[in-house]
Amino acid sequence: MSISERDPATLSMAEQVFMLVPPEQRTDAITEFVSGLPARRREDLVWTWSFWRRPAQTPPASYRTWVIRAGRGFGKTRAGAEWIRRVAETTPDARIALVAASLGEARAVMVEGESGLLAVAPPARLPLFEPSLRRLTWPNGAQATLYSAGEP
């Protein structure tokens, strides 16, 4: 299904902007828009999850636990990583548990995966990953520890 066939309420802000331009002009218009931004703004746009996420990927406002029940390709890992990133960056004393079926899975998907915590962090705010301690530490002091559901 193309973007133009989807319910507008399911589109990300980026997709909504994309839809404002006629299909035959989209590539040129987007390239012109992005290249016209100052370098700092272009960099910021890349890391601004609220611009790219779909409404269904928006975390609850004040919950400590969030469950996403969705199929393949929904963006569960990315949405979760971005939520954890926001919590860690805004709460220096945060202590976060990252729980997966195995430690290997937690590391491969949640931390080092293409949508994992290391991939979604801007370079200036990249957490330090200490595999031997199963711990990520953000520059502000927030920490996340990896746990295995099989080895609590």
C-alpha atoms as a PDB file:
ATOM      1  CA  MET A   1       0.000   0.000   0.000  1.00  0.00           C
ATOM      2  CA  SER A   2       1.437   3.381  -0.966  1.00  0.00           C
ATOM      3  CA  ILE A   3       1.582   6.301   1.443  1.00  0.00           C
ATOM      4  CA  SER A   4      -1.194   8.104  -0.424  1.00  0.00           C
ATOM      5  CA  GLU A   5      -3.534   5.135   0.175  1.00  0.00           C
ATOM      6  CA  ARG A   6      -2.952   5.028   3.946  1.00  0.00           C
ATOM      7  CA  ASP A   7      -5.118   6.659   6.578  1.00  0.00           C
ATOM      8  CA  PRO A   8      -3.552  10.085   7.295  1.00  0.00           C
ATOM      9  CA  ALA A   9      -3.895   9.400  11.036  1.00  0.00           C
ATOM     10  CA  THR A  10      -1.314   6.590  10.685  1.00  0.00           C
ATOM     11  CA  LEU A  11       1.356   8.707   8.978  1.00  0.00           C
ATOM     12  CA  SER A  12       4.512  10.065  10.595  1.00  0.00           C
ATOM     13  CA  MET A  13       5.172  13.790  10.494  1.00  0.00           C
ATOM     14  CA  ALA A  14       7.828  13.093   7.827  1.00  0.00           C
ATOM     15  CA  GLU A  15       5.284  11.204   5.698  1.00  0.00           C
ATOM     16  CA  GLN A  16       2.735  14.005   6.118  1.00  0.00           C
ATOM     17  CA  VAL A  17       5.289  16.558   4.866  1.00  0.00           C
ATOM     18  CA  PHE A  18       6.174  14.197   1.991  1.00  0.00           C
ATOM     19  CA  MET A  19       2.475  14.082   0.989  1.00  0.00           C
ATOM     20  CA  LEU A  20       2.318  17.896   0.586  1.00  0.00           C
ATOM     21  CA  VAL A  21       4.433  17.656  -2.559  1.00  0.00           C
ATOM     22  CA  PRO A  22       3.020  16.222  -5.823  1.00  0.00           C
ATOM     23  CA  PRO A  23       4.456  12.736  -6.501  1.00  0.00           C
ATOM     24  CA  GLU A  24       6.416  13.788  -9.590  1.00  0.00           C
ATOM     25  CA  GLN A  25       8.195  16.570  -7.637  1.00  0.00           C
ATOM     26  CA  ARG A  26       8.900  14.760  -4.350  1.00  0.00           C
ATOM     27  CA  THR A  27      12.510  13.740  -4.837  1.00  0.00           C
ATOM     28  CA  ASP A  28      13.630  17.186  -6.012  1.00  0.00           C
ATOM     29  CA  ALA A  29      11.560  19.068  -3.413  1.00  0.00           C
ATOM     30  CA  ILE A  30      12.801  16.970  -0.492  1.00  0.00           C
ATOM     31  CA  THR A  31      16.420  17.167  -1.658  1.00  0.00           C
ATOM     32  CA  GLU A  32      16.101  20.951  -2.047  1.00  0.00           C
ATOM     33  CA  PHE A  33      14.462  21.331   1.366  1.00  0.00           C
ATOM     34  CA  VAL A  34      17.042  19.239   3.216  1.00  0.00           C
ATOM     35  CA  SER A  35      20.050  20.743   1.411  1.00  0.00           C
ATOM     36  CA  GLY A  36      18.715  24.230   2.223  1.00  0.00           C
ATOM     37  CA  LEU A  37      18.869  23.573   5.960  1.00  0.00           C
ATOM     38  CA  PRO A  38      21.914  24.677   7.943  1.00  0.00           C
ATOM     39  CA  ALA A  39      24.236  21.722   8.651  1.00  0.00           C
ATOM     40  CA  ARG A  40      23.304  21.670  12.349  1.00  0.00           C
ATOM     41  CA  ARG A  41      19.560  21.496  11.528  1.00  0.00           C
ATOM     42  CA  ARG A  42      20.130  18.646   9.040  1.00  0.00           C
ATOM     43  CA  GLU A  43      22.010  16.744  11.755  1.00  0.00           C
ATOM     44  CA  ASP A  44      19.246  17.431  14.297  1.00  0.00           C
ATOM     45  CA  LEU A  45      16.554  16.224  11.882  1.00  0.00           C
ATOM     46  CA  VAL A  46      18.234  12.826  11.512  1.00  0.00           C
ATOM     47  CA  TRP A  47      18.023  12.223  15.287  1.00  0.00           C
ATOM     48  CA  THR A  48      14.553  13.731  15.895  1.00  0.00           C
ATOM     49  CA  TRP A  49      12.440  10.594  16.423  1.00  0.00           C
ATOM     50  CA  SER A  50       9.213  12.561  16.942  1.00  0.00           C
ATOM     51  CA  PHE A  51       9.480  13.642  13.278  1.00  0.00           C
ATOM     52  CA  TRP A  52       9.969  10.102  11.900  1.00  0.00           C
ATOM     53  CA  ARG A  53       7.770   7.931  14.140  1.00  0.00           C
ATOM     54  CA  ARG A  54       4.221   6.975  13.297  1.00  0.00           C
ATOM     55  CA  PRO A  55       1.501   7.835  15.835  1.00  0.00           C
ATOM     56  CA  ALA A  56       1.286   4.177  16.944  1.00  0.00           C
ATOM     57  CA  GLN A  57       4.995   4.322  17.852  1.00  0.00           C
ATOM     58  CA  THR A  58       4.474   7.189  20.291  1.00  0.00           C
ATOM     59  CA  PRO A  59       5.227   6.081  23.857  1.00  0.00           C
ATOM     60  CA  PRO A  60       2.724   6.613  26.655  1.00  0.00           C
ATOM     61  CA  ALA A  61       3.254   9.916  28.438  1.00  0.00           C
ATOM     62  CA  SER A  62       4.007   8.768  31.964  1.00  0.00           C
ATOM     63  CA  TYR A  63       4.231   4.984  32.094  1.00  0.00           C
ATOM     64  CA  ARG A  64       7.159   3.000  33.445  1.00  0.00           C
ATOM     65  CA  THR A  65       6.284  -0.073  31.351  1.00  0.00           C
ATOM     66  CA  TRP A  66       5.204  -0.160  27.722  1.00  0.00           C
ATOM     67  CA  VAL A  67       4.084  -3.222  25.746  1.00  0.00           C
ATOM     68  CA  ILE A  68       3.901  -3.099  21.948  1.00  0.00           C
ATOM     69  CA  ARG A  69       1.956  -5.959  20.390  1.00  0.00           C
ATOM     70  CA  ALA A  70       2.616  -5.756  16.676  1.00  0.00           C
ATOM     71  CA  GLY A  71       3.884  -7.804  13.760  1.00  0.00           C
ATOM     72  CA  ARG A  72       7.135  -7.869  11.841  1.00  0.00           C
ATOM     73  CA  GLY A  73       8.197  -4.548  10.387  1.00  0.00           C
ATOM     74  CA  PHE A  74       6.149  -2.364  12.752  1.00  0.00           C
ATOM     75  CA  GLY A  75       9.245  -0.807  14.306  1.00  0.00           C
ATOM     76  CA  LYS A  76       8.986  -2.260  17.818  1.00  0.00           C
ATOM     77  CA  THR A  77      12.748  -2.317  18.394  1.00  0.00           C
ATOM     78  CA  ARG A  78      13.203   1.236  17.129  1.00  0.00           C
ATOM     79  CA  ALA A  79      10.252   2.569  19.126  1.00  0.00           C
ATOM     80  CA  GLY A  80      11.532   0.866  22.272  1.00  0.00           C
ATOM     81  CA  ALA A  81      15.108   2.067  21.755  1.00  0.00           C
ATOM     82  CA  GLU A  82      13.940   5.634  21.193  1.00  0.00           C
ATOM     83  CA  TRP A  83      11.773   5.480  24.331  1.00  0.00           C
ATOM     84  CA  ILE A  84      14.696   4.179  26.395  1.00  0.00           C
ATOM     85  CA  ARG A  85      16.940   6.844  24.867  1.00  0.00           C
ATOM     86  CA  ARG A  86      14.481   9.590  25.864  1.00  0.00           C
ATOM     87  CA  VAL A  87      14.175   8.258  29.419  1.00  0.00           C
ATOM     88  CA  ALA A  88      17.957   7.922  29.783  1.00  0.00           C
ATOM     89  CA  GLU A  89      18.726  11.353  28.342  1.00  0.00           C
ATOM     90  CA  THR A  90      16.135  13.155  30.479  1.00  0.00           C
ATOM     91  CA  THR A  91      16.621  11.240  33.737  1.00  0.00           C
ATOM     92  CA  PRO A  92      20.289  11.150  34.832  1.00  0.00           C
ATOM     93  CA  ASP A  93      19.563   8.837  37.772  1.00  0.00           C
ATOM     94  CA  ALA A  94      17.569   6.360  35.637  1.00  0.00           C
ATOM     95  CA  ARG A  95      18.285   2.672  36.138  1.00  0.00           C
ATOM     96  CA  ILE A  96      16.789   0.677  33.276  1.00  0.00           C
ATOM     97  CA  ALA A  97      16.379  -3.092  32.851  1.00  0.00           C
ATOM     98  CA  LEU A  98      16.701  -4.409  29.294  1.00  0.00           C
ATOM     99  CA  VAL A  99      15.232  -7.923  29.381  1.00  0.00           C
ATOM    100  CA  ALA A 100      15.347 -10.396  26.496  1.00  0.00           C
ATOM    101  CA  ALA A 101      15.051 -14.158  26.128  1.00  0.00           C
ATOM    102  CA  SER A 102      18.859 -14.418  26.228  1.00  0.00           C
ATOM    103  CA  LEU A 103      21.784 -12.079  26.843  1.00  0.00           C
ATOM    104  CA  GLY A 104      22.973 -12.681  23.295  1.00  0.00           C
ATOM    105  CA  GLU A 105      19.620 -11.588  21.928  1.00  0.00           C
ATOM    106  CA  ALA A 106      19.556  -8.509  24.175  1.00  0.00           C
ATOM    107  CA  ARG A 107      22.988  -7.464  22.950  1.00  0.00           C
ATOM    108  CA  ALA A 108      22.453  -8.307  19.270  1.00  0.00           C
ATOM    109  CA  VAL A 109      19.010  -6.701  18.951  1.00  0.00           C
ATOM    110  CA  MET A 110      18.431  -4.181  21.733  1.00  0.00           C
ATOM    111  CA  VAL A 111      21.936  -2.742  21.971  1.00  0.00           C
ATOM    112  CA  GLU A 112      23.929  -3.386  18.782  1.00  0.00           C
ATOM    113  CA  GLY A 113      21.137  -4.031  16.259  1.00  0.00           C
ATOM    114  CA  GLU A 114      20.270  -1.757  13.353  1.00  0.00           C
ATOM    115  CA  SER A 115      17.486  -0.192  15.450  1.00  0.00           C
ATOM    116  CA  GLY A 116      19.172  -0.739  18.806  1.00  0.00           C
ATOM    117  CA  LEU A 117      20.261   1.758  21.421  1.00  0.00           C
ATOM    118  CA  LEU A 118      23.702   2.396  19.910  1.00  0.00           C
ATOM    119  CA  ALA A 119      22.196   3.014  16.461  1.00  0.00           C
ATOM    120  CA  VAL A 120      19.581   5.543  17.604  1.00  0.00           C
ATOM    121  CA  ALA A 121      21.890   7.661  19.768  1.00  0.00           C
ATOM    122  CA  PRO A 122      23.367  10.854  18.346  1.00  0.00           C
ATOM    123  CA  PRO A 123      27.186  10.657  18.375  1.00  0.00           C
ATOM    124  CA  ALA A 124      27.471  13.364  21.050  1.00  0.00           C
ATOM    125  CA  ARG A 125      25.147  11.421  23.398  1.00  0.00           C
ATOM    126  CA  LEU A 126      26.231   7.857  22.609  1.00  0.00           C
ATOM    127  CA  PRO A 127      26.073   5.603  25.669  1.00  0.00           C
ATOM    128  CA  LEU A 128      29.161   3.618  26.660  1.00  0.00           C
ATOM    129  CA  PHE A 129      28.496  -0.113  26.275  1.00  0.00           C
ATOM    130  CA  GLU A 130      30.441  -2.385  28.614  1.00  0.00           C
ATOM    131  CA  PRO A 131      29.605  -5.923  27.412  1.00  0.00           C
ATOM    132  CA  SER A 132      31.365  -7.681  30.296  1.00  0.00           C
ATOM    133  CA  LEU A 133      29.211  -5.762  32.786  1.00  0.00           C
ATOM    134  CA  ARG A 134      26.077  -6.033  30.575  1.00  0.00           C
ATOM    135  CA  ARG A 135      25.693  -2.270  31.024  1.00  0.00           C
ATOM    136  CA  LEU A 136      25.152   0.888  29.013  1.00  0.00           C
ATOM    137  CA  THR A 137      25.973   4.229  30.611  1.00  0.00           C
ATOM    138  CA  TRP A 138      24.836   7.513  29.085  1.00  0.00           C
ATOM    139  CA  PRO A 139      26.983  10.658  29.347  1.00  0.00           C
ATOM    140  CA  ASN A 140      24.617  12.076  32.002  1.00  0.00           C
ATOM    141  CA  GLY A 141      24.988   8.983  34.257  1.00  0.00           C
ATOM    142  CA  ALA A 142      21.790   7.073  33.388  1.00  0.00           C
ATOM    143  CA  GLN A 143      22.360   3.316  33.160  1.00  0.00           C
ATOM    144  CA  ALA A 144      20.712   0.337  31.513  1.00  0.00           C
ATOM    145  CA  THR A 145      21.568  -3.256  32.431  1.00  0.00           C
ATOM    146  CA  LEU A 146      20.935  -6.279  30.213  1.00  0.00           C
ATOM    147  CA  TYR A 147      19.137  -9.276  31.715  1.00  0.00           C
ATOM    148  CA  SER A 148      18.215 -12.671  30.374  1.00  0.00           C
ATOM    149  CA  ALA A 149      14.726 -13.998  31.012  1.00  0.00           C
ATOM    150  CA  GLY A 150      16.357 -17.429  31.415  1.00  0.00           C
ATOM    151  CA  GLU A 151      18.844 -16.178  34.021  1.00  0.00           C
ATOM    152  CA  PRO A 152      17.140 -13.594  36.214  1.00  0.00           C
END
